[in-house]
């Protein structure tokens, strides 16, 4: 009996290479779905917006473990997380970066 593939990707691991998603090279990944939980802002070491070439706008938060979390930039919780992370950047914390 063959092992069945999981029906859904693990939470937060919903990135897809943009070349595969769009058939062109844009240099970044695209999010295929959004993370539905709370953004662990104290574990985030950097974040960035997905390319405008992606079919779905998103922020990608990268944690200290290297986990990428796709988030909907229109959600209040995500806006609050970005605002918090930017305030940390202003206080010159070099471990937090916005790409």
N, C-alpha and C. Protein backbone atom coordinates (compact mmCIF):
# COMPACT_ATOMS: atom_id res chain seq x y z
N UNK A 1 0.84 -1.17 0.00
CA UNK A 1 0.00 0.00 0.00
C UNK A 1 0.89 1.24 0.00
N UNK A 2 0.58 2.22 -0.83
CA UNK A 2 1.38 3.43 -0.93
C UNK A 2 1.02 4.40 0.19
N UNK A 3 2.04 5.19 0.62
CA UNK A 3 1.78 6.24 1.60
C UNK A 3 1.05 7.38 0.90
N UNK A 4 -0.01 7.83 1.50
CA UNK A 4 -0.78 8.94 0.92
C UNK A 4 -0.10 10.25 1.28
N UNK A 5 -0.11 11.18 0.36
CA UNK A 5 0.43 12.51 0.62
C UNK A 5 -0.54 13.26 1.53
N UNK A 6 -0.01 14.14 2.39
CA UNK A 6 -0.92 14.90 3.25
C UNK A 6 -1.88 15.76 2.43
N UNK A 7 -3.10 15.90 2.91
CA UNK A 7 -4.11 16.66 2.18
C UNK A 7 -3.81 18.15 2.16
N UNK A 8 -3.16 18.66 3.21
CA UNK A 8 -2.85 20.08 3.30
C UNK A 8 -1.40 20.25 3.73
N UNK A 9 -0.74 21.33 3.29
CA UNK A 9 0.62 21.58 3.76
C UNK A 9 0.60 21.92 5.24
N UNK A 10 1.73 21.74 5.94
CA UNK A 10 1.77 22.09 7.35
C UNK A 10 1.45 23.58 7.54
N UNK A 11 0.87 23.95 8.69
CA UNK A 11 0.53 25.35 8.92
C UNK A 11 1.73 26.26 8.71
N UNK A 12 1.53 27.35 7.99
CA UNK A 12 2.59 28.31 7.75
C UNK A 12 3.50 27.97 6.60
N UNK A 13 3.49 26.73 6.16
CA UNK A 13 4.39 26.29 5.10
C UNK A 13 3.67 26.29 3.77
N UNK A 14 3.09 27.41 3.42
CA UNK A 14 2.29 27.46 2.20
C UNK A 14 2.92 28.33 1.12
N UNK A 15 4.25 28.28 1.03
CA UNK A 15 4.95 29.02 -0.01
C UNK A 15 5.11 28.15 -1.24
N UNK A 16 5.09 28.77 -2.39
CA UNK A 16 5.32 28.07 -3.63
C UNK A 16 6.28 28.91 -4.45
N UNK A 17 7.22 28.26 -5.10
CA UNK A 17 8.17 28.98 -5.95
C UNK A 17 7.39 29.71 -7.03
N UNK A 18 7.65 31.00 -7.19
CA UNK A 18 6.89 31.82 -8.14
C UNK A 18 7.03 31.33 -9.57
N UNK A 19 8.17 30.75 -9.92
CA UNK A 19 8.34 30.24 -11.28
C UNK A 19 7.35 29.12 -11.55
N UNK A 20 7.12 28.28 -10.54
CA UNK A 20 6.16 27.19 -10.71
C UNK A 20 4.73 27.73 -10.70
N UNK A 21 4.49 28.74 -9.86
CA UNK A 21 3.14 29.27 -9.73
C UNK A 21 2.72 30.09 -10.94
N UNK A 22 3.65 30.82 -11.54
CA UNK A 22 3.29 31.74 -12.61
C UNK A 22 3.95 31.41 -13.94
N UNK A 23 4.92 30.51 -13.94
CA UNK A 23 5.58 30.16 -15.17
C UNK A 23 6.64 31.16 -15.60
N UNK A 24 6.94 32.13 -14.73
CA UNK A 24 7.99 33.12 -15.01
C UNK A 24 8.88 33.26 -13.79
N UNK A 25 10.05 33.82 -14.00
CA UNK A 25 10.98 34.00 -12.89
C UNK A 25 10.78 35.38 -12.28
N UNK A 26 10.37 35.44 -11.01
CA UNK A 26 10.21 36.72 -10.32
C UNK A 26 11.12 36.81 -9.11
N UNK A 27 11.84 35.76 -8.79
CA UNK A 27 12.85 35.81 -7.76
C UNK A 27 12.39 35.59 -6.33
N UNK A 28 11.13 35.37 -6.09
CA UNK A 28 10.62 35.13 -4.74
C UNK A 28 9.54 34.06 -4.78
N UNK A 29 9.17 33.62 -3.59
CA UNK A 29 8.07 32.66 -3.49
C UNK A 29 6.73 33.39 -3.44
N UNK A 30 5.69 32.65 -3.74
CA UNK A 30 4.32 33.16 -3.63
C UNK A 30 3.59 32.31 -2.59
N UNK A 31 2.66 32.93 -1.89
CA UNK A 31 1.85 32.21 -0.91
C UNK A 31 0.62 31.63 -1.61
N UNK A 32 0.33 30.37 -1.33
CA UNK A 32 -0.85 29.74 -1.91
C UNK A 32 -2.02 29.72 -0.94
N UNK A 33 -1.72 29.93 0.36
CA UNK A 33 -2.77 30.07 1.36
C UNK A 33 -2.20 30.83 2.54
N UNK A 34 -3.08 31.36 3.37
CA UNK A 34 -2.66 32.15 4.52
C UNK A 34 -2.68 31.32 5.80
N UNK A 35 -1.75 31.63 6.70
CA UNK A 35 -1.70 31.04 8.03
C UNK A 35 -2.89 31.59 8.82
N UNK A 36 -3.57 30.76 9.57
CA UNK A 36 -4.78 31.19 10.26
C UNK A 36 -4.56 31.48 11.74
N UNK A 37 -3.38 31.18 12.27
CA UNK A 37 -3.13 31.39 13.69
C UNK A 37 -2.51 32.75 13.98
N UNK A 38 -2.11 32.93 15.24
CA UNK A 38 -1.44 34.16 15.66
C UNK A 38 0.00 34.16 15.14
N UNK A 39 0.48 35.32 14.73
CA UNK A 39 1.86 35.47 14.26
C UNK A 39 2.76 35.52 15.50
N UNK A 40 3.74 34.62 15.60
CA UNK A 40 4.62 34.61 16.78
C UNK A 40 5.69 35.71 16.67
N UNK A 41 5.29 36.97 16.88
CA UNK A 41 6.17 38.11 16.60
C UNK A 41 7.49 38.06 17.35
N UNK A 42 7.52 37.49 18.52
CA UNK A 42 8.78 37.42 19.28
C UNK A 42 9.75 36.40 18.70
N UNK A 43 9.27 35.57 17.79
CA UNK A 43 10.12 34.56 17.15
C UNK A 43 10.50 34.95 15.73
N UNK A 44 9.98 36.07 15.24
CA UNK A 44 10.23 36.52 13.86
C UNK A 44 11.58 37.22 13.78
N UNK A 45 12.40 36.81 12.81
CA UNK A 45 13.71 37.44 12.61
C UNK A 45 13.72 38.33 11.37
N UNK A 46 12.80 38.11 10.45
CA UNK A 46 12.67 38.98 9.28
C UNK A 46 11.31 38.73 8.65
N UNK A 47 10.92 39.66 7.78
CA UNK A 47 9.66 39.51 7.06
C UNK A 47 9.74 40.30 5.77
N UNK A 48 8.88 39.94 4.83
CA UNK A 48 8.84 40.63 3.54
C UNK A 48 7.47 40.45 2.90
N UNK A 49 7.18 41.31 1.95
CA UNK A 49 5.96 41.17 1.14
C UNK A 49 6.29 40.27 -0.04
N UNK A 50 5.33 39.50 -0.47
CA UNK A 50 5.53 38.70 -1.67
C UNK A 50 5.55 39.63 -2.88
N UNK A 51 6.09 39.13 -3.97
CA UNK A 51 6.20 39.90 -5.21
C UNK A 51 4.82 40.30 -5.74
N UNK A 52 4.77 41.43 -6.42
CA UNK A 52 3.52 41.84 -7.07
C UNK A 52 3.13 40.88 -8.18
N UNK A 53 4.05 40.05 -8.63
CA UNK A 53 3.77 39.05 -9.66
C UNK A 53 2.99 37.86 -9.10
N UNK A 54 2.94 37.74 -7.78
CA UNK A 54 2.20 36.63 -7.17
C UNK A 54 0.70 36.87 -7.27
N UNK A 55 -0.08 35.82 -7.42
CA UNK A 55 -1.53 35.98 -7.55
C UNK A 55 -2.20 36.42 -6.25
N UNK A 56 -1.52 36.25 -5.10
CA UNK A 56 -2.10 36.59 -3.80
C UNK A 56 -1.10 37.43 -3.02
N UNK A 57 -1.49 38.64 -2.62
CA UNK A 57 -0.62 39.48 -1.80
C UNK A 57 -0.46 38.85 -0.42
N UNK A 58 0.75 38.94 0.14
CA UNK A 58 0.99 38.37 1.46
C UNK A 58 2.24 38.96 2.09
N UNK A 59 2.28 38.90 3.43
CA UNK A 59 3.51 39.10 4.17
C UNK A 59 4.02 37.71 4.49
N UNK A 60 5.32 37.52 4.40
CA UNK A 60 5.94 36.26 4.82
C UNK A 60 6.81 36.59 6.02
N UNK A 61 6.49 35.97 7.15
CA UNK A 61 7.26 36.13 8.38
C UNK A 61 8.17 34.92 8.51
N UNK A 62 9.46 35.15 8.76
CA UNK A 62 10.42 34.06 8.91
C UNK A 62 10.83 34.01 10.38
N UNK A 63 10.67 32.83 11.00
CA UNK A 63 10.98 32.68 12.42
C UNK A 63 12.44 32.28 12.63
N UNK A 64 12.85 32.28 13.90
CA UNK A 64 14.23 31.90 14.23
C UNK A 64 14.53 30.47 13.80
N UNK A 65 13.52 29.62 13.69
CA UNK A 65 13.71 28.24 13.24
C UNK A 65 13.75 28.14 11.72
N UNK A 66 13.57 29.26 11.02
CA UNK A 66 13.57 29.23 9.56
C UNK A 66 12.22 28.92 8.96
N UNK A 67 11.19 28.85 9.77
CA UNK A 67 9.84 28.57 9.29
C UNK A 67 9.26 29.83 8.64
N UNK A 68 8.67 29.69 7.47
CA UNK A 68 8.04 30.81 6.77
C UNK A 68 6.54 30.75 6.97
N UNK A 69 5.97 31.88 7.38
CA UNK A 69 4.54 31.96 7.66
C UNK A 69 3.92 32.99 6.72
N UNK A 70 2.99 32.54 5.90
CA UNK A 70 2.27 33.44 4.99
C UNK A 70 1.08 34.05 5.72
N UNK A 71 0.93 35.38 5.60
CA UNK A 71 -0.15 36.05 6.30
C UNK A 71 -0.84 37.06 5.38
N UNK A 72 -2.14 37.21 5.59
CA UNK A 72 -2.95 38.13 4.80
C UNK A 72 -2.67 39.57 5.24
N UNK A 73 -2.13 40.41 4.37
CA UNK A 73 -1.79 41.78 4.76
C UNK A 73 -3.00 42.65 5.08
N UNK A 74 -4.21 42.20 4.78
CA UNK A 74 -5.42 42.97 5.06
C UNK A 74 -5.99 42.70 6.45
N UNK A 75 -5.53 41.63 7.11
CA UNK A 75 -6.05 41.28 8.43
C UNK A 75 -5.47 42.19 9.50
N UNK A 76 -6.32 42.60 10.44
CA UNK A 76 -5.90 43.49 11.53
C UNK A 76 -4.75 42.89 12.33
N UNK A 77 -4.81 41.59 12.60
CA UNK A 77 -3.77 40.92 13.38
C UNK A 77 -2.41 41.03 12.67
N UNK A 78 -2.41 40.91 11.36
CA UNK A 78 -1.17 40.98 10.58
C UNK A 78 -0.65 42.41 10.57
N UNK A 79 -1.54 43.38 10.38
CA UNK A 79 -1.13 44.79 10.42
C UNK A 79 -0.51 45.14 11.77
N UNK A 80 -1.11 44.62 12.83
CA UNK A 80 -0.60 44.87 14.18
C UNK A 80 0.79 44.25 14.35
N UNK A 81 0.99 43.04 13.83
CA UNK A 81 2.29 42.38 13.93
C UNK A 81 3.36 43.17 13.18
N UNK A 82 3.04 43.66 11.98
CA UNK A 82 4.00 44.45 11.20
C UNK A 82 4.32 45.75 11.93
N UNK A 83 3.30 46.41 12.47
CA UNK A 83 3.53 47.65 13.22
C UNK A 83 4.45 47.40 14.40
N UNK A 84 4.22 46.33 15.13
CA UNK A 84 5.07 45.98 16.27
C UNK A 84 6.51 45.72 15.81
N UNK A 85 6.68 44.94 14.76
CA UNK A 85 8.02 44.61 14.27
C UNK A 85 8.74 45.86 13.76
N UNK A 86 8.03 46.75 13.11
CA UNK A 86 8.65 48.01 12.65
C UNK A 86 9.08 48.87 13.83
N UNK A 87 8.30 48.86 14.91
CA UNK A 87 8.69 49.64 16.09
C UNK A 87 9.96 49.08 16.71
N UNK A 88 10.13 47.78 16.66
CA UNK A 88 11.36 47.17 17.16
C UNK A 88 12.53 47.58 16.28
N UNK A 89 12.31 47.61 14.97
CA UNK A 89 13.38 48.05 14.06
C UNK A 89 13.82 49.47 14.38
N UNK A 90 12.86 50.32 14.67
CA UNK A 90 13.20 51.72 14.98
C UNK A 90 14.06 51.82 16.22
N UNK A 91 13.94 50.86 17.11
CA UNK A 91 14.77 50.88 18.32
C UNK A 91 16.13 50.24 18.05
N UNK A 92 16.43 49.99 16.78
CA UNK A 92 17.73 49.50 16.31
C UNK A 92 18.07 48.09 16.80
N UNK A 93 17.10 47.22 16.78
CA UNK A 93 17.36 45.82 17.10
C UNK A 93 17.81 45.14 15.82
N UNK A 94 19.12 44.81 15.68
CA UNK A 94 19.61 44.25 14.42
C UNK A 94 19.13 42.84 14.13
N UNK A 95 18.49 42.17 15.09
CA UNK A 95 18.03 40.80 14.84
C UNK A 95 16.69 40.77 14.10
N UNK A 96 16.02 41.91 13.97
CA UNK A 96 14.75 41.98 13.27
C UNK A 96 14.96 42.75 11.97
N UNK A 97 14.53 42.16 10.85
CA UNK A 97 14.75 42.79 9.55
C UNK A 97 13.50 42.71 8.69
N UNK A 98 13.22 43.79 8.00
CA UNK A 98 12.17 43.77 6.97
C UNK A 98 12.86 43.78 5.63
N UNK A 99 12.53 42.83 4.78
CA UNK A 99 13.15 42.75 3.45
C UNK A 99 12.31 43.46 2.43
